Amino acid sequence: MRQVARTRQHVVKYNGWRLFQTPWDTDFGKQYAKCLVDPNGNERFHAGYADYCSHKELRLLIRDLIRFVEKLEKDNDRHL
């Protein structure tokens, strides 16, 4: 039996942020787009060609991406 997350969109939430994993077909087989959305609904990160990640890997990925985005914003504010 196939895992549902491999054939349908999968969403992981963390502190108001959402990470979407959306499967789509390419010439090279199935790819998984990843999209990070902040609590205001703005897209903050997008990866179109990516490998499949399990739910646990997505939970760890969303935490790391949020830290990365917040660090970038803090560095940009400091240089302005």
N, C-alpha and C. Protein backbone atom coordinates (compact mmCIF):
# COMPACT_ATOMS: atom_id res chain seq x y z
N MET A 1 0.84 -1.18 0.00
CA MET A 1 0.00 0.00 0.00
C MET A 1 0.88 1.24 0.00
N ARG A 2 0.55 2.20 -0.86
CA ARG A 2 1.33 3.42 -0.96
C ARG A 2 0.99 4.38 0.17
N GLN A 3 1.97 5.17 0.53
CA GLN A 3 1.73 6.19 1.55
C GLN A 3 0.92 7.33 0.93
N VAL A 4 -0.03 7.85 1.66
CA VAL A 4 -0.89 8.91 1.15
C VAL A 4 -0.09 10.15 0.81
N ALA A 5 0.93 10.47 1.60
CA ALA A 5 1.72 11.68 1.39
C ALA A 5 2.49 11.63 0.07
N ARG A 6 2.67 10.45 -0.50
CA ARG A 6 3.38 10.35 -1.77
C ARG A 6 2.49 10.70 -2.96
N THR A 7 1.18 10.69 -2.78
CA THR A 7 0.27 10.95 -3.89
C THR A 7 -0.59 12.19 -3.69
N ARG A 8 -0.64 12.74 -2.50
CA ARG A 8 -1.44 13.94 -2.22
C ARG A 8 -0.60 14.98 -1.50
N GLN A 9 -1.11 16.21 -1.49
CA GLN A 9 -0.41 17.28 -0.79
C GLN A 9 -0.38 16.98 0.71
N HIS A 10 0.76 17.25 1.33
CA HIS A 10 0.96 17.00 2.74
C HIS A 10 1.34 18.31 3.41
N VAL A 11 0.72 18.64 4.54
CA VAL A 11 0.96 19.91 5.22
C VAL A 11 1.46 19.64 6.63
N VAL A 12 2.52 20.37 7.03
CA VAL A 12 3.04 20.31 8.39
C VAL A 12 2.97 21.73 8.95
N LYS A 13 2.46 21.86 10.18
CA LYS A 13 2.32 23.17 10.82
C LYS A 13 3.25 23.27 12.02
N TYR A 14 3.80 24.48 12.24
CA TYR A 14 4.69 24.72 13.37
C TYR A 14 4.64 26.19 13.72
N ASN A 15 4.14 26.54 14.89
CA ASN A 15 4.05 27.91 15.38
C ASN A 15 3.39 28.86 14.38
N GLY A 16 2.33 28.42 13.73
CA GLY A 16 1.62 29.25 12.77
C GLY A 16 2.16 29.17 11.35
N TRP A 17 3.36 28.66 11.18
CA TRP A 17 3.96 28.48 9.86
C TRP A 17 3.45 27.17 9.27
N ARG A 18 3.40 27.08 7.95
CA ARG A 18 2.97 25.86 7.27
C ARG A 18 3.98 25.50 6.19
N LEU A 19 4.27 24.22 6.08
CA LEU A 19 5.14 23.70 5.04
C LEU A 19 4.32 22.70 4.23
N PHE A 20 4.18 22.99 2.94
CA PHE A 20 3.43 22.13 2.03
C PHE A 20 4.39 21.27 1.23
N GLN A 21 4.07 20.00 1.09
CA GLN A 21 4.80 19.11 0.19
C GLN A 21 3.79 18.63 -0.85
N THR A 22 3.98 19.08 -2.09
CA THR A 22 3.03 18.78 -3.16
C THR A 22 3.69 17.91 -4.22
N PRO A 23 3.16 16.71 -4.47
CA PRO A 23 3.74 15.85 -5.51
C PRO A 23 3.30 16.31 -6.90
N TRP A 24 4.20 16.17 -7.87
CA TRP A 24 3.85 16.44 -9.26
C TRP A 24 4.74 15.61 -10.16
N ASP A 25 4.26 15.33 -11.36
CA ASP A 25 4.97 14.45 -12.30
C ASP A 25 5.87 15.27 -13.22
N THR A 26 7.08 14.76 -13.44
CA THR A 26 8.02 15.36 -14.38
C THR A 26 8.46 14.29 -15.36
N ASP A 27 9.32 14.68 -16.30
CA ASP A 27 9.86 13.71 -17.26
C ASP A 27 10.75 12.68 -16.56
N PHE A 28 11.27 13.03 -15.40
CA PHE A 28 12.19 12.16 -14.67
C PHE A 28 11.50 11.37 -13.57
N GLY A 29 10.18 11.44 -13.50
CA GLY A 29 9.44 10.75 -12.46
C GLY A 29 8.75 11.74 -11.55
N LYS A 30 8.34 11.29 -10.39
CA LYS A 30 7.62 12.15 -9.45
C LYS A 30 8.60 13.01 -8.65
N GLN A 31 8.28 14.31 -8.55
CA GLN A 31 9.04 15.25 -7.74
C GLN A 31 8.10 15.83 -6.69
N TYR A 32 8.65 16.46 -5.69
CA TYR A 32 7.85 17.00 -4.59
C TYR A 32 8.24 18.44 -4.34
N ALA A 33 7.32 19.36 -4.64
CA ALA A 33 7.56 20.78 -4.40
C ALA A 33 7.34 21.07 -2.92
N LYS A 34 8.21 21.87 -2.35
CA LYS A 34 8.09 22.29 -0.95
C LYS A 34 7.83 23.80 -0.93
N CYS A 35 6.90 24.24 -0.11
CA CYS A 35 6.55 25.64 -0.02
C CYS A 35 6.34 26.00 1.45
N LEU A 36 7.08 27.00 1.94
CA LEU A 36 6.96 27.47 3.32
C LEU A 36 6.13 28.74 3.34
N VAL A 37 5.07 28.76 4.16
CA VAL A 37 4.17 29.91 4.25
C VAL A 37 4.18 30.42 5.68
N ASP A 38 4.38 31.74 5.84
CA ASP A 38 4.43 32.33 7.19
C ASP A 38 3.02 32.50 7.75
N PRO A 39 2.89 32.90 9.03
CA PRO A 39 1.55 33.03 9.64
C PRO A 39 0.65 34.05 8.94
N ASN A 40 1.24 35.00 8.20
CA ASN A 40 0.44 36.01 7.49
C ASN A 40 -0.04 35.52 6.13
N GLY A 41 0.38 34.34 5.71
CA GLY A 41 -0.04 33.79 4.44
C GLY A 41 0.91 34.09 3.28
N ASN A 42 2.08 34.66 3.58
CA ASN A 42 3.06 34.98 2.54
C ASN A 42 3.99 33.81 2.31
N GLU A 43 4.27 33.51 1.04
CA GLU A 43 5.21 32.44 0.73
C GLU A 43 6.63 32.94 1.01
N ARG A 44 7.39 32.20 1.81
CA ARG A 44 8.72 32.62 2.21
C ARG A 44 9.82 31.79 1.59
N PHE A 45 9.48 30.57 1.16
CA PHE A 45 10.48 29.67 0.58
C PHE A 45 9.76 28.71 -0.35
N HIS A 46 10.38 28.43 -1.50
CA HIS A 46 9.78 27.49 -2.45
C HIS A 46 10.89 26.68 -3.11
N ALA A 47 10.74 25.37 -3.12
CA ALA A 47 11.65 24.47 -3.82
C ALA A 47 10.80 23.60 -4.74
N GLY A 48 10.95 23.78 -6.04
CA GLY A 48 10.12 23.08 -7.01
C GLY A 48 10.52 21.65 -7.25
N TYR A 49 11.82 21.39 -7.32
CA TYR A 49 12.31 20.04 -7.59
C TYR A 49 12.95 19.51 -6.31
N ALA A 50 12.26 18.65 -5.62
CA ALA A 50 12.78 18.13 -4.36
C ALA A 50 12.38 16.67 -4.21
N ASP A 51 13.10 15.97 -3.36
CA ASP A 51 12.80 14.57 -3.09
C ASP A 51 11.69 14.47 -2.05
N TYR A 52 11.15 13.28 -1.93
CA TYR A 52 10.12 12.99 -0.94
C TYR A 52 10.71 13.07 0.46
N CYS A 53 9.96 13.66 1.39
CA CYS A 53 10.34 13.68 2.80
C CYS A 53 9.20 13.08 3.61
N SER A 54 9.55 12.30 4.60
CA SER A 54 8.54 11.74 5.50
C SER A 54 8.01 12.85 6.40
N HIS A 55 6.95 12.55 7.15
CA HIS A 55 6.38 13.54 8.06
C HIS A 55 7.41 14.02 9.08
N LYS A 56 8.19 13.10 9.62
CA LYS A 56 9.21 13.46 10.59
C LYS A 56 10.26 14.38 9.97
N GLU A 57 10.69 14.06 8.75
CA GLU A 57 11.67 14.91 8.08
C GLU A 57 11.10 16.29 7.79
N LEU A 58 9.81 16.36 7.45
CA LEU A 58 9.18 17.66 7.20
C LEU A 58 9.10 18.48 8.49
N ARG A 59 8.82 17.83 9.62
CA ARG A 59 8.79 18.55 10.90
C ARG A 59 10.15 19.16 11.20
N LEU A 60 11.21 18.40 10.98
CA LEU A 60 12.56 18.93 11.23
C LEU A 60 12.91 20.01 10.23
N LEU A 61 12.50 19.84 8.98
CA LEU A 61 12.79 20.80 7.93
C LEU A 61 12.11 22.14 8.20
N ILE A 62 10.86 22.12 8.64
CA ILE A 62 10.15 23.38 8.87
C ILE A 62 10.81 24.16 10.01
N ARG A 63 11.27 23.47 11.04
CA ARG A 63 11.95 24.18 12.13
C ARG A 63 13.23 24.84 11.64
N ASP A 64 14.00 24.11 10.84
CA ASP A 64 15.25 24.67 10.32
C ASP A 64 14.99 25.83 9.36
N LEU A 65 13.98 25.72 8.52
CA LEU A 65 13.68 26.79 7.57
C LEU A 65 13.21 28.05 8.29
N ILE A 66 12.41 27.90 9.33
CA ILE A 66 11.94 29.06 10.09
C ILE A 66 13.12 29.77 10.74
N ARG A 67 14.03 29.01 11.34
CA ARG A 67 15.22 29.62 11.95
C ARG A 67 16.06 30.35 10.90
N PHE A 68 16.19 29.74 9.71
CA PHE A 68 16.97 30.33 8.64
C PHE A 68 16.34 31.65 8.16
N VAL A 69 15.02 31.65 7.95
CA VAL A 69 14.32 32.85 7.49
C VAL A 69 14.40 33.95 8.53
N GLU A 70 14.20 33.62 9.80
CA GLU A 70 14.27 34.64 10.85
C GLU A 70 15.67 35.19 11.00
N LYS A 71 16.69 34.36 10.82
CA LYS A 71 18.07 34.84 10.89
C LYS A 71 18.36 35.79 9.73
N LEU A 72 17.86 35.47 8.53
CA LEU A 72 18.05 36.36 7.38
C LEU A 72 17.40 37.71 7.62
N GLU A 73 16.18 37.70 8.15
CA GLU A 73 15.48 38.96 8.43
C GLU A 73 16.23 39.78 9.46
N LYS A 74 16.75 39.13 10.49
CA LYS A 74 17.49 39.83 11.53
C LYS A 74 18.77 40.45 10.96
N ASP A 75 19.48 39.71 10.10
CA ASP A 75 20.69 40.23 9.47
C ASP A 75 20.38 41.38 8.53
N ASN A 76 19.29 41.28 7.77
CA ASN A 76 18.90 42.36 6.86
C ASN A 76 18.52 43.62 7.63
N ASP A 77 17.83 43.49 8.74
CA ASP A 77 17.44 44.64 9.55
C ASP A 77 18.67 45.32 10.15
N ARG A 78 19.68 44.53 10.48
CA ARG A 78 20.89 45.08 11.08
C ARG A 78 21.69 45.90 10.06
N HIS A 79 21.64 45.49 8.77
CA HIS A 79 22.43 46.17 7.74
C HIS A 79 21.72 47.38 7.15
N LEU A 80 20.46 47.61 7.49
CA LEU A 80 19.74 48.76 6.96
C LEU A 80 19.99 50.01 7.71
